[in-house]
Amino acid sequence: MNDCIFCRIIQGTAPARIVYQDDEVTAFHDIHPRAPIHILIVPNKHIPGVNQVAPEDVPMLGRLFLVARRLAEEMAIADGYRLVLNTGRRAGQSVFHLHVHLLGGRSFGWPPG
């Protein structure tokens, strides 16, 4: 999808600080970080959000979490990090390509914002 910034990042036609990429998943630094470490982990397949996930996407969803764990270990935050997945504008989703925020490097309170 040419109008999706995340699709363009995945394709290499938009700039990003990519930290991981394979056939199913790409991860890159958020341009507006909310923590010292703020990585977005996205499926390479364009899926607008959780409400559009299909049964055939289940293995890829597991891959998102395995990549999150791997990056947390590599970035030395495996002892405490937060994964956030917003669904819809009312929840704060601003880019309509499914993505998981990996946040770490500081303490987090509860409940979140």
N, C-alpha and C. Protein backbone atom coordinates (compact mmCIF):
# COMPACT_ATOMS: atom_id res chain seq x y z
N MET A 1 0.86 -1.19 0.00
CA MET A 1 0.00 0.00 0.00
C MET A 1 0.89 1.24 0.00
N ASN A 2 0.85 1.99 -1.06
CA ASN A 2 1.73 3.14 -1.23
C ASN A 2 1.42 4.28 -0.28
N ASP A 3 0.20 4.37 0.24
CA ASP A 3 -0.14 5.45 1.16
C ASP A 3 0.16 5.12 2.61
N CYS A 4 0.65 3.93 2.89
CA CYS A 4 0.96 3.51 4.26
C CYS A 4 2.45 3.70 4.53
N ILE A 5 2.78 4.55 5.49
CA ILE A 5 4.18 4.83 5.81
C ILE A 5 4.90 3.56 6.25
N PHE A 6 4.24 2.69 7.01
CA PHE A 6 4.91 1.47 7.46
C PHE A 6 5.19 0.53 6.28
N CYS A 7 4.28 0.45 5.33
CA CYS A 7 4.54 -0.37 4.13
C CYS A 7 5.73 0.17 3.36
N ARG A 8 5.84 1.50 3.29
CA ARG A 8 6.97 2.10 2.58
C ARG A 8 8.28 1.84 3.33
N ILE A 9 8.25 1.87 4.66
CA ILE A 9 9.44 1.54 5.44
C ILE A 9 9.84 0.09 5.17
N ILE A 10 8.89 -0.82 5.20
CA ILE A 10 9.16 -2.24 4.96
C ILE A 10 9.79 -2.43 3.58
N GLN A 11 9.29 -1.70 2.59
CA GLN A 11 9.78 -1.81 1.21
C GLN A 11 11.10 -1.08 0.99
N GLY A 12 11.51 -0.27 1.97
CA GLY A 12 12.76 0.48 1.84
C GLY A 12 12.63 1.77 1.07
N THR A 13 11.40 2.26 0.87
CA THR A 13 11.21 3.50 0.12
C THR A 13 10.95 4.70 1.02
N ALA A 14 10.90 4.48 2.33
CA ALA A 14 10.79 5.57 3.31
C ALA A 14 11.88 5.34 4.36
N PRO A 15 12.45 6.43 4.88
CA PRO A 15 13.55 6.26 5.84
C PRO A 15 13.07 5.75 7.20
N ALA A 16 13.92 4.95 7.81
CA ALA A 16 13.67 4.46 9.17
C ALA A 16 14.95 3.85 9.68
N ARG A 17 15.08 3.83 11.01
CA ARG A 17 16.21 3.16 11.64
C ARG A 17 15.78 1.74 11.97
N ILE A 18 15.91 0.87 10.98
CA ILE A 18 15.48 -0.52 11.12
C ILE A 18 16.46 -1.28 12.00
N VAL A 19 15.91 -2.01 12.97
CA VAL A 19 16.74 -2.81 13.86
C VAL A 19 16.57 -4.31 13.63
N TYR A 20 15.53 -4.68 12.87
CA TYR A 20 15.30 -6.09 12.59
C TYR A 20 14.38 -6.19 11.38
N GLN A 21 14.66 -7.18 10.52
CA GLN A 21 13.75 -7.46 9.41
C GLN A 21 13.94 -8.90 8.95
N ASP A 22 12.82 -9.59 8.72
CA ASP A 22 12.83 -10.91 8.12
C ASP A 22 11.67 -10.99 7.13
N ASP A 23 11.29 -12.17 6.71
CA ASP A 23 10.24 -12.31 5.71
C ASP A 23 8.85 -11.92 6.21
N GLU A 24 8.65 -11.93 7.54
CA GLU A 24 7.32 -11.67 8.11
C GLU A 24 7.21 -10.37 8.89
N VAL A 25 8.32 -9.91 9.45
CA VAL A 25 8.28 -8.83 10.45
C VAL A 25 9.40 -7.83 10.21
N THR A 26 9.10 -6.56 10.47
CA THR A 26 10.12 -5.50 10.46
C THR A 26 9.99 -4.72 11.76
N ALA A 27 11.13 -4.31 12.31
CA ALA A 27 11.14 -3.51 13.55
C ALA A 27 12.05 -2.31 13.35
N PHE A 28 11.59 -1.16 13.83
CA PHE A 28 12.34 0.09 13.65
C PHE A 28 12.03 1.05 14.79
N HIS A 29 12.91 2.02 14.97
CA HIS A 29 12.74 3.02 16.02
C HIS A 29 11.55 3.92 15.71
N ASP A 30 10.77 4.22 16.75
CA ASP A 30 9.66 5.17 16.63
C ASP A 30 10.24 6.57 16.47
N ILE A 31 9.66 7.38 15.59
CA ILE A 31 10.18 8.75 15.40
C ILE A 31 9.76 9.70 16.51
N HIS A 32 8.79 9.29 17.34
CA HIS A 32 8.37 10.08 18.50
C HIS A 32 8.44 9.20 19.74
N PRO A 33 9.65 8.87 20.21
CA PRO A 33 9.78 7.90 21.30
C PRO A 33 9.13 8.38 22.60
N ARG A 34 8.51 7.43 23.30
CA ARG A 34 7.88 7.67 24.60
C ARG A 34 8.67 7.05 25.74
N ALA A 35 9.83 6.48 25.40
CA ALA A 35 10.72 5.86 26.39
C ALA A 35 12.11 5.85 25.77
N PRO A 36 13.14 5.66 26.59
CA PRO A 36 14.50 5.61 26.03
C PRO A 36 14.64 4.60 24.90
N ILE A 37 13.94 3.49 25.02
CA ILE A 37 13.87 2.51 23.92
C ILE A 37 12.42 2.43 23.50
N HIS A 38 12.17 2.73 22.23
CA HIS A 38 10.81 2.69 21.68
C HIS A 38 10.91 2.18 20.25
N ILE A 39 10.61 0.90 20.10
CA ILE A 39 10.70 0.22 18.81
C ILE A 39 9.30 -0.17 18.37
N LEU A 40 9.01 -0.01 17.09
CA LEU A 40 7.76 -0.49 16.51
C LEU A 40 8.04 -1.81 15.79
N ILE A 41 7.22 -2.79 16.06
CA ILE A 41 7.36 -4.11 15.44
C ILE A 41 6.10 -4.32 14.61
N VAL A 42 6.28 -4.50 13.30
CA VAL A 42 5.15 -4.54 12.38
C VAL A 42 5.20 -5.78 11.50
N PRO A 43 4.03 -6.31 11.14
CA PRO A 43 4.04 -7.38 10.15
C PRO A 43 4.36 -6.78 8.77
N ASN A 44 5.06 -7.53 7.95
CA ASN A 44 5.34 -7.05 6.60
C ASN A 44 4.09 -7.04 5.74
N LYS A 45 3.12 -7.86 6.08
CA LYS A 45 1.82 -7.86 5.41
C LYS A 45 1.01 -6.70 5.94
N HIS A 46 0.38 -5.93 5.06
CA HIS A 46 -0.44 -4.81 5.52
C HIS A 46 -1.74 -5.34 6.13
N ILE A 47 -1.88 -5.10 7.43
CA ILE A 47 -3.10 -5.40 8.17
C ILE A 47 -3.43 -4.11 8.92
N PRO A 48 -4.58 -3.49 8.66
CA PRO A 48 -4.87 -2.19 9.29
C PRO A 48 -4.88 -2.21 10.82
N GLY A 49 -5.33 -3.28 11.42
CA GLY A 49 -5.38 -3.35 12.88
C GLY A 49 -5.85 -4.71 13.34
N VAL A 50 -5.99 -4.86 14.64
CA VAL A 50 -6.37 -6.14 15.24
C VAL A 50 -7.71 -6.62 14.68
N ASN A 51 -8.64 -5.71 14.44
CA ASN A 51 -9.96 -6.10 13.96
C ASN A 51 -9.94 -6.71 12.56
N GLN A 52 -8.83 -6.58 11.86
CA GLN A 52 -8.72 -7.13 10.52
C GLN A 52 -7.80 -8.37 10.47
N VAL A 53 -7.36 -8.85 11.61
CA VAL A 53 -6.52 -10.05 11.66
C VAL A 53 -7.36 -11.25 11.22
N ALA A 54 -6.77 -12.09 10.36
CA ALA A 54 -7.44 -13.28 9.87
C ALA A 54 -6.80 -14.53 10.50
N PRO A 55 -7.51 -15.65 10.49
CA PRO A 55 -6.94 -16.87 11.07
C PRO A 55 -5.56 -17.23 10.51
N GLU A 56 -5.33 -16.97 9.25
CA GLU A 56 -4.03 -17.30 8.66
C GLU A 56 -2.89 -16.40 9.17
N ASP A 57 -3.24 -15.32 9.88
CA ASP A 57 -2.24 -14.41 10.43
C ASP A 57 -1.70 -14.85 11.79
N VAL A 58 -2.29 -15.87 12.38
CA VAL A 58 -1.91 -16.29 13.73
C VAL A 58 -0.42 -16.59 13.87
N PRO A 59 0.21 -17.35 12.98
CA PRO A 59 1.65 -17.59 13.13
C PRO A 59 2.47 -16.29 13.10
N MET A 60 2.09 -15.35 12.25
CA MET A 60 2.81 -14.08 12.18
C MET A 60 2.66 -13.30 13.48
N LEU A 61 1.48 -13.36 14.10
CA LEU A 61 1.28 -12.66 15.37
C LEU A 61 2.23 -13.21 16.44
N GLY A 62 2.40 -14.51 16.47
CA GLY A 62 3.36 -15.10 17.39
C GLY A 62 4.77 -14.61 17.09
N ARG A 63 5.08 -14.47 15.83
CA ARG A 63 6.40 -13.98 15.41
C ARG A 63 6.65 -12.58 15.95
N LEU A 64 5.62 -11.71 15.96
CA LEU A 64 5.77 -10.36 16.51
C LEU A 64 6.28 -10.42 17.95
N PHE A 65 5.72 -11.33 18.74
CA PHE A 65 6.10 -11.42 20.15
C PHE A 65 7.50 -12.03 20.31
N LEU A 66 7.84 -12.99 19.48
CA LEU A 66 9.19 -13.55 19.55
C LEU A 66 10.24 -12.50 19.17
N VAL A 67 9.93 -11.68 18.19
CA VAL A 67 10.85 -10.60 17.80
C VAL A 67 10.95 -9.59 18.93
N ALA A 68 9.84 -9.27 19.57
CA ALA A 68 9.86 -8.33 20.71
C ALA A 68 10.78 -8.86 21.81
N ARG A 69 10.64 -10.14 22.14
CA ARG A 69 11.49 -10.73 23.17
C ARG A 69 12.96 -10.67 22.77
N ARG A 70 13.26 -11.02 21.53
CA ARG A 70 14.64 -11.00 21.04
C ARG A 70 15.22 -9.59 21.13
N LEU A 71 14.46 -8.59 20.70
CA LEU A 71 14.96 -7.21 20.75
C LEU A 71 15.13 -6.74 22.18
N ALA A 72 14.21 -7.11 23.06
CA ALA A 72 14.35 -6.74 24.47
C ALA A 72 15.64 -7.32 25.05
N GLU A 73 15.95 -8.55 24.70
CA GLU A 73 17.19 -9.18 25.17
C GLU A 73 18.41 -8.45 24.60
N GLU A 74 18.39 -8.17 23.29
CA GLU A 74 19.51 -7.50 22.65
C GLU A 74 19.74 -6.09 23.19
N MET A 75 18.66 -5.42 23.60
CA MET A 75 18.75 -4.05 24.09
C MET A 75 18.86 -3.98 25.61
N ALA A 76 19.06 -5.12 26.23
CA ALA A 76 19.27 -5.23 27.68
C ALA A 76 18.12 -4.66 28.50
N ILE A 77 16.89 -4.90 28.04
CA ILE A 77 15.71 -4.47 28.81
C ILE A 77 14.80 -5.66 29.12
N ALA A 78 15.30 -6.87 28.95
CA ALA A 78 14.47 -8.05 29.13
C ALA A 78 13.95 -8.20 30.57
N ASP A 79 14.54 -7.49 31.51
CA ASP A 79 14.07 -7.57 32.90
C ASP A 79 12.86 -6.69 33.16
N GLY A 80 12.44 -5.90 32.17
CA GLY A 80 11.25 -5.07 32.33
C GLY A 80 11.00 -4.19 31.13
N TYR A 81 9.96 -4.52 30.39
CA TYR A 81 9.59 -3.72 29.23
C TYR A 81 8.08 -3.82 29.05
N ARG A 82 7.56 -2.94 28.22
CA ARG A 82 6.12 -2.92 27.98
C ARG A 82 5.88 -3.11 26.49
N LEU A 83 4.86 -3.92 26.17
CA LEU A 83 4.38 -4.06 24.80
C LEU A 83 2.99 -3.43 24.75
N VAL A 84 2.79 -2.56 23.76
CA VAL A 84 1.51 -1.85 23.61
C VAL A 84 1.02 -2.05 22.19
N LEU A 85 -0.27 -2.36 22.07
CA LEU A 85 -0.90 -2.51 20.77
C LEU A 85 -2.21 -1.75 20.82
N ASN A 86 -2.28 -0.62 20.13
CA ASN A 86 -3.48 0.21 20.10
C ASN A 86 -4.37 -0.23 18.94
N THR A 87 -5.68 -0.21 19.16
CA THR A 87 -6.63 -0.59 18.13
C THR A 87 -7.68 0.49 17.98
N GLY A 88 -7.62 1.20 16.87
CA GLY A 88 -8.60 2.26 16.58
C GLY A 88 -8.16 3.62 17.09
N ARG A 89 -8.74 4.64 16.47
CA ARG A 89 -8.40 6.03 16.83
C ARG A 89 -8.65 6.33 18.30
N ARG A 90 -9.74 5.84 18.86
CA ARG A 90 -10.07 6.13 20.26
C ARG A 90 -9.04 5.56 21.22
N ALA A 91 -8.29 4.55 20.78
CA ALA A 91 -7.24 3.95 21.61
C ALA A 91 -5.87 4.57 21.33
N GLY A 92 -5.80 5.49 20.37
CA GLY A 92 -4.54 6.15 20.08
C GLY A 92 -3.83 5.65 18.85
N GLN A 93 -4.44 4.74 18.08
CA GLN A 93 -3.79 4.27 16.86
C GLN A 93 -3.79 5.39 15.83
N SER A 94 -2.60 5.75 15.36
CA SER A 94 -2.49 6.85 14.39
C SER A 94 -2.02 6.37 13.02
N VAL A 95 -1.36 5.21 12.96
CA VAL A 95 -0.97 4.60 11.68
C VAL A 95 -1.74 3.29 11.59
N PHE A 96 -2.54 3.17 10.55
CA PHE A 96 -3.42 2.01 10.44
C PHE A 96 -2.75 0.87 9.67
N HIS A 97 -1.69 0.39 10.31
CA HIS A 97 -0.95 -0.81 9.95
C HIS A 97 -0.62 -1.43 11.30
N LEU A 98 -1.11 -2.61 11.55
CA LEU A 98 -0.91 -3.27 12.84
C LEU A 98 0.53 -3.11 13.30
N HIS A 99 0.73 -2.73 14.55
CA HIS A 99 2.08 -2.60 15.09
C HIS A 99 2.06 -2.72 16.60
N VAL A 100 3.17 -3.26 17.11
CA VAL A 100 3.37 -3.40 18.54
C VAL A 100 4.49 -2.45 18.95
N HIS A 101 4.24 -1.67 19.99
CA HIS A 101 5.26 -0.79 20.55
C HIS A 101 6.05 -1.58 21.59
N LEU A 102 7.35 -1.61 21.47
CA LEU A 102 8.25 -2.16 22.48
C LEU A 102 8.87 -0.98 23.20
N LEU A 103 8.53 -0.82 24.48
CA LEU A 103 8.99 0.31 25.27
C LEU A 103 9.83 -0.19 26.43
N GLY A 104 10.96 0.46 26.68
CA GLY A 104 11.79 0.06 27.79
C GLY A 104 12.84 1.11 28.12
N GLY A 105 13.65 0.81 29.11
CA GLY A 105 14.70 1.72 29.52
C GLY A 105 14.30 2.67 30.62
N ARG A 106 13.10 2.52 31.15
CA ARG A 106 12.62 3.32 32.29
C ARG A 106 11.51 2.55 32.99
N SER A 107 11.12 3.02 34.17
CA SER A 107 10.01 2.40 34.90
C SER A 107 8.70 2.90 34.32
N PHE A 108 7.69 2.07 34.40
CA PHE A 108 6.35 2.42 33.92
C PHE A 108 5.35 2.30 35.06
N GLY A 109 4.38 3.18 35.08
CA GLY A 109 3.33 3.13 36.08
C GLY A 109 2.12 2.35 35.57
N TRP A 110 1.19 2.11 36.51
CA TRP A 110 -0.04 1.45 36.14
C TRP A 110 -1.17 2.14 36.86
N PRO A 111 -2.29 2.40 36.26
CA PRO A 111 -2.62 2.08 34.89
C PRO A 111 -1.97 3.05 33.90
N PRO A 112 -1.78 2.59 32.67
CA PRO A 112 -1.20 3.48 31.66
C PRO A 112 -2.20 4.56 31.28
N GLY A 113 -1.71 5.65 30.66
CA GLY A 113 -2.45 6.82 30.23
C GLY A 113 -3.82 6.59 29.80
